[in-house]
Amino acid sequence: MPQSEAVYAGLSTDHYPWTEVTADLTLRQTQGFTGVFDAWQKGRWVRFVWTRGTLMGGFTHGGQPVPWALAMQGVPRARVSLAALPVNVTEVLWATRAAPGQAARTPWPALKGELERDCFHGLLVSGLNCSFWSYGRYLGGALPEAGAPSLLYATDAEGNRAQFVQFWQDLLQALHRVTPLDGAWQQITVRLAGEHPCLDPFAQDISFRNGQLTIEEEVPVREFRPALNAALRAVLTRLGVRLADVPLGTLRERPEWAASGLEVS
């Protein structure tokens, strides 16, 4: 965890007993605490994560769940640390608790562009450096040294496919109610089909008619997400519409908004 965010770090439960730790965390929970608590002893380690005062849960190596009572028994003479973190960081930590590490194909800093392009959501670990990423955006933490190997701990985008599809359907429908998109959409997708084959209007992998978006099941998230981003940007430019000026209700508050890569529009 970033040491700059530490409430306390490396305290011994010999001097800061579990009873006091528990009382302190209980109070913080009532105050809406968001952050992470770590305890370790002789190779044993456990982590608990809170978001806005709600305990998401506890886990150890491999994401194995651990309840609070068992944690106190498993590491009775632990060193403990507590860090207050932004909600988006704790959500990434919780989502990736059981994610296997995969070696990055590209060294840092060239890797940065790859993470942004792929909308990487997870942890980037290199030695003792760990950084947090939300759908291609760097949230914080220590970045790798230049040329150092890295491991990626990512959430499964395909596992959230239905969520992403629904978001894009809702977004395009909302925009279409304000400014009809159909005509410009057909022209733009023909032009972009070379770069994004799933947009080919003749293949019908992705179709948009009368404000209704359809994405065929065989089109993976990694293909339709950047394709829809490129298409929507080009369509709005053609129509002379600024996305920032369009009332979208709560769509901008949904986590898929960050994944869309449209927040700079």
Protein backbone atom coordinates (compact mmCIF):
# COMPACT_ATOMS: atom_id res chain seq x y z
CA MET A 1 0.00 0.00 0.00
CA PRO A 2 1.17 3.58 -0.60
CA GLN A 3 2.90 4.62 2.62
CA SER A 4 1.67 8.18 2.15
CA GLU A 5 -1.84 6.89 2.82
CA ALA A 6 -0.95 4.91 5.97
CA VAL A 7 -2.92 5.53 9.14
CA TYR A 8 -0.41 3.31 10.92
CA ALA A 9 2.17 0.83 9.64
CA GLY A 10 3.88 -2.23 11.12
CA LEU A 11 2.44 -1.96 14.63
CA SER A 12 2.89 -5.05 16.80
CA THR A 13 -0.23 -6.53 18.37
CA ASP A 14 1.95 -7.19 21.43
CA HIS A 15 1.73 -3.43 22.00
CA TYR A 16 -1.47 -2.61 20.06
CA PRO A 17 -3.70 -5.54 21.09
CA TRP A 18 -6.29 -7.11 18.82
CA THR A 19 -9.04 -5.83 21.12
CA GLU A 20 -7.95 -2.25 20.48
CA VAL A 21 -7.46 -2.90 16.76
CA THR A 22 -11.00 -4.28 16.56
CA ALA A 23 -12.51 -1.37 18.51
CA ASP A 24 -10.71 1.17 16.34
CA LEU A 25 -11.82 -0.47 13.07
CA THR A 26 -15.40 -0.79 14.33
CA LEU A 27 -15.47 2.94 15.04
CA ARG A 28 -13.93 3.78 11.66
CA GLN A 29 -16.52 1.62 9.94
CA THR A 30 -19.34 3.68 11.48
CA GLN A 31 -17.57 6.79 10.14
CA GLY A 32 -17.62 5.50 6.56
CA PHE A 33 -14.00 4.35 6.38
CA THR A 34 -12.57 3.32 3.00
CA GLY A 35 -9.26 1.50 3.02
CA VAL A 36 -7.25 -1.63 3.70
CA PHE A 37 -6.06 -3.41 6.84
CA ASP A 38 -3.12 -5.86 6.65
CA ALA A 39 -1.83 -8.28 9.28
CA TRP A 40 1.15 -10.62 8.90
CA GLN A 41 3.21 -13.00 11.01
CA LYS A 42 5.95 -15.44 9.90
CA GLY A 43 4.77 -15.86 6.31
CA ARG A 44 1.07 -15.69 7.14
CA TRP A 45 -0.82 -12.71 5.80
CA VAL A 46 -4.40 -11.48 5.72
CA ARG A 47 -6.07 -8.40 4.28
CA PHE A 48 -9.44 -6.76 4.95
CA VAL A 49 -11.03 -4.18 2.65
CA TRP A 50 -13.66 -1.53 3.46
CA THR A 51 -15.54 0.72 1.05
CA ARG A 52 -17.59 3.63 2.43
CA GLY A 53 -17.90 1.92 5.81
CA THR A 54 -18.92 -1.47 4.38
CA LEU A 55 -16.59 -4.41 5.00
CA MET A 56 -16.11 -6.14 1.66
CA GLY A 57 -14.38 -9.05 3.39
CA GLY A 58 -11.04 -10.54 4.30
CA PHE A 59 -8.71 -12.74 2.25
CA THR A 60 -5.26 -14.27 2.20
CA HIS A 61 -2.97 -15.69 -0.51
CA GLY A 62 -4.81 -16.66 -3.68
CA GLY A 63 -7.91 -14.76 -2.62
CA GLN A 64 -8.92 -17.40 -0.08
CA PRO A 65 -11.61 -15.85 2.17
CA VAL A 66 -10.75 -15.35 5.84
CA PRO A 67 -13.23 -14.16 8.51
CA TRP A 68 -12.07 -11.70 11.19
CA ALA A 69 -12.14 -14.19 14.08
CA LEU A 70 -9.99 -16.66 12.15
CA ALA A 71 -7.53 -13.92 11.23
CA MET A 72 -6.92 -13.09 14.90
CA GLN A 73 -6.33 -16.78 15.62
CA GLY A 74 -4.10 -17.31 12.60
CA VAL A 75 -1.78 -14.35 13.27
CA PRO A 76 -2.15 -13.72 17.02
CA ARG A 77 1.16 -11.81 17.31
CA ALA A 78 0.93 -9.95 14.03
CA ARG A 79 2.31 -6.75 12.64
CA VAL A 80 -0.61 -4.64 11.43
CA SER A 81 -1.05 -1.74 9.03
CA LEU A 82 -4.00 0.39 8.04
CA ALA A 83 -4.23 2.63 4.97
CA ALA A 84 -7.02 5.01 3.98
CA LEU A 85 -7.52 4.79 0.21
CA PRO A 86 -9.83 6.18 -2.46
CA VAL A 87 -12.91 4.11 -3.22
CA ASN A 88 -11.76 3.27 -6.75
CA VAL A 89 -8.48 1.83 -5.42
CA THR A 90 -10.19 -0.37 -2.83
CA GLU A 91 -12.60 -1.60 -5.49
CA VAL A 92 -9.67 -2.62 -7.70
CA LEU A 93 -7.98 -4.40 -4.79
CA TRP A 94 -11.12 -6.31 -3.93
CA ALA A 95 -11.88 -7.21 -7.55
CA THR A 96 -8.38 -8.60 -8.13
CA ARG A 97 -8.00 -10.49 -4.83
CA ALA A 98 -7.97 -13.89 -6.59
CA ALA A 99 -6.57 -12.82 -9.96
CA PRO A 100 -3.52 -14.81 -11.15
CA GLY A 101 -0.46 -12.79 -12.11
CA GLN A 102 0.52 -12.74 -15.78
CA ALA A 103 3.85 -11.49 -17.05
CA ALA A 104 3.57 -8.28 -19.04
CA ARG A 105 4.74 -8.71 -22.63
CA THR A 106 6.12 -5.18 -22.80
CA PRO A 107 8.59 -3.50 -20.39
CA TRP A 108 7.83 -0.18 -18.71
CA PRO A 109 7.42 2.61 -19.85
CA ALA A 110 6.28 1.24 -23.25
CA LEU A 111 3.77 -0.86 -21.30
CA LYS A 112 1.84 2.29 -20.35
CA GLY A 113 0.36 2.72 -23.81
CA GLU A 114 -0.64 -0.94 -23.92
CA LEU A 115 -2.46 -0.69 -20.57
CA GLU A 116 -4.32 2.42 -21.71
CA ARG A 117 -5.27 0.90 -25.06
CA ASP A 118 -6.48 -2.36 -23.50
CA CYS A 119 -8.41 -0.53 -20.73
CA PHE A 120 -6.44 -2.53 -18.17
CA HIS A 121 -8.25 -2.83 -14.84
CA GLY A 122 -6.17 -4.22 -11.99
CA LEU A 123 -2.75 -4.16 -10.36
CA LEU A 124 0.63 -3.66 -12.01
CA VAL A 125 3.34 -5.19 -9.81
CA SER A 126 7.09 -4.92 -10.36
CA GLY A 127 9.29 -5.99 -7.46
CA LEU A 128 8.10 -3.98 -4.48
CA ASN A 129 6.33 -1.43 -6.69
CA CYS A 130 2.56 -1.75 -7.10
CA SER A 131 0.29 0.61 -9.03
CA PHE A 132 -3.49 0.65 -9.39
CA TRP A 133 -5.30 0.99 -12.73
CA SER A 134 -8.96 1.54 -13.54
CA TYR A 135 -9.96 0.78 -17.12
CA GLY A 136 -6.71 2.11 -18.57
CA ARG A 137 -6.33 5.01 -16.15
CA TYR A 138 -3.49 5.17 -13.62
CA LEU A 139 -4.99 5.72 -10.15
CA GLY A 140 -1.84 5.79 -8.00
CA GLY A 141 0.88 3.71 -6.42
CA ALA A 142 4.50 3.11 -7.39
CA LEU A 143 5.24 2.55 -11.08
CA PRO A 144 7.89 0.08 -12.36
CA GLU A 145 11.46 1.09 -12.97
CA ALA A 146 12.32 1.54 -16.66
CA GLY A 147 12.91 -1.84 -18.29
CA ALA A 148 11.89 -3.84 -15.20
CA PRO A 149 9.69 -6.93 -15.65
CA SER A 150 6.11 -6.62 -14.41
CA LEU A 151 3.17 -8.79 -13.46
CA LEU A 152 -0.42 -7.91 -14.29
CA TYR A 153 -3.25 -8.84 -11.93
CA ALA A 154 -6.38 -8.09 -13.92
CA THR A 155 -10.11 -8.53 -13.60
CA ASP A 156 -11.78 -10.54 -16.33
CA ALA A 157 -13.35 -8.12 -18.80
CA GLU A 158 -15.21 -10.95 -20.54
CA GLY A 159 -16.74 -11.91 -17.22
CA ASN A 160 -18.37 -8.46 -17.19
CA ARG A 161 -19.42 -8.57 -20.84
CA ALA A 162 -23.15 -8.19 -20.22
CA GLN A 163 -22.48 -5.14 -18.05
CA PHE A 164 -20.42 -3.44 -20.79
CA VAL A 165 -22.97 -4.27 -23.50
CA GLN A 166 -25.82 -2.85 -21.43
CA PHE A 167 -23.89 0.35 -20.75
CA TRP A 168 -23.24 1.00 -24.44
CA GLN A 169 -26.85 0.23 -25.29
CA ASP A 170 -28.04 2.69 -22.65
CA LEU A 171 -25.53 5.35 -23.70
CA LEU A 172 -26.30 5.27 -27.41
CA GLN A 173 -30.02 5.17 -26.73
CA ALA A 174 -29.74 8.26 -24.51
CA LEU A 175 -27.72 10.12 -27.13
CA HIS A 176 -30.08 9.10 -29.92
CA ARG A 177 -33.03 10.60 -28.03
CA VAL A 178 -31.22 13.95 -28.04
CA THR A 179 -29.64 13.78 -31.51
CA PRO A 180 -30.57 11.01 -33.99
CA LEU A 181 -27.39 9.06 -34.76
CA ASP A 182 -28.46 6.54 -37.40
CA GLY A 183 -27.38 8.30 -40.60
CA ALA A 184 -23.98 9.41 -39.33
CA TRP A 185 -23.43 6.02 -37.68
CA GLN A 186 -23.79 4.15 -40.98
CA GLN A 187 -21.37 6.48 -42.76
CA ILE A 188 -18.79 6.40 -39.97
CA THR A 189 -18.80 2.63 -39.45
CA VAL A 190 -18.15 2.02 -43.16
CA ARG A 191 -15.09 4.26 -42.89
CA LEU A 192 -13.84 2.65 -39.64
CA ALA A 193 -14.42 -0.99 -40.65
CA GLY A 194 -10.83 -1.37 -41.86
CA GLU A 195 -9.44 -0.48 -38.44
CA HIS A 196 -12.28 -2.11 -36.47
CA PRO A 197 -13.67 -5.06 -38.47
CA CYS A 198 -16.51 -5.62 -35.99
CA LEU A 199 -18.00 -2.31 -37.19
CA ASP A 200 -18.39 -3.55 -40.78
CA PRO A 201 -22.08 -2.85 -41.48
CA PHE A 202 -22.23 -5.75 -43.95
CA ALA A 203 -20.97 -8.29 -41.40
CA GLN A 204 -23.53 -7.12 -38.82
CA ASP A 205 -21.35 -8.03 -35.83
CA ILE A 206 -22.39 -4.67 -34.41
CA SER A 207 -25.51 -2.93 -35.66
CA PHE A 208 -27.26 0.28 -34.68
CA ARG A 209 -30.73 1.06 -35.97
CA ASN A 210 -33.43 3.37 -34.66
CA GLY A 211 -31.44 3.97 -31.49
CA GLN A 212 -31.00 0.24 -30.75
CA LEU A 213 -27.49 -1.22 -30.45
CA THR A 214 -26.95 -4.95 -31.04
CA ILE A 215 -23.63 -6.73 -30.44
CA GLU A 216 -23.25 -10.36 -31.49
CA GLU A 217 -22.11 -12.77 -28.79
CA GLU A 218 -18.89 -13.75 -30.59
CA VAL A 219 -17.53 -10.17 -30.49
CA PRO A 220 -15.21 -9.95 -27.44
CA VAL A 221 -15.08 -6.94 -25.13
CA ARG A 222 -11.51 -6.13 -26.17
CA GLU A 223 -12.80 -5.59 -29.74
CA PHE A 224 -16.15 -3.86 -29.33
CA ARG A 225 -15.08 -1.44 -26.57
CA PRO A 226 -12.43 0.48 -28.59
CA ALA A 227 -14.53 0.15 -31.75
CA LEU A 228 -17.58 1.77 -30.16
CA ASN A 229 -15.40 4.46 -28.62
CA ALA A 230 -13.92 5.36 -32.02
CA ALA A 231 -17.32 5.23 -33.74
CA LEU A 232 -19.09 7.41 -31.21
CA ARG A 233 -16.34 10.02 -31.18
CA ALA A 234 -16.40 10.23 -34.98
CA VAL A 235 -20.22 10.35 -35.11
CA LEU A 236 -20.42 13.18 -32.59
CA THR A 237 -17.73 15.11 -34.48
CA ARG A 238 -19.68 14.64 -37.72
CA LEU A 239 -22.85 15.93 -36.03
CA GLY A 240 -21.09 18.80 -34.28
CA VAL A 241 -22.18 17.59 -30.84
CA ARG A 242 -20.05 17.76 -27.70
CA LEU A 243 -20.61 14.77 -25.42
CA ALA A 244 -20.03 17.00 -22.38
CA ASP A 245 -23.10 19.06 -23.37
CA VAL A 246 -25.48 16.11 -23.58
CA PRO A 247 -27.56 15.34 -20.45
CA LEU A 248 -26.87 11.68 -19.67
CA GLY A 249 -28.39 11.32 -16.22
CA THR A 250 -26.48 8.81 -14.11
CA LEU A 251 -24.56 7.23 -16.99
CA ARG A 252 -21.41 9.19 -16.13
CA GLU A 253 -21.52 7.77 -12.59
CA ARG A 254 -21.47 4.14 -13.72
CA PRO A 255 -18.09 2.32 -13.59
CA GLU A 256 -18.40 1.44 -17.28
CA TRP A 257 -18.11 5.16 -18.09
CA ALA A 258 -14.42 5.09 -17.15
CA ALA A 259 -14.01 1.90 -19.19
CA SER A 260 -15.52 3.60 -22.23
CA GLY A 261 -12.61 6.03 -22.43
CA LEU A 262 -15.03 8.84 -23.21
CA GLU A 263 -14.48 10.98 -20.11
CA VAL A 264 -12.16 13.36 -22.01
CA SER A 265 -14.72 14.00 -24.73
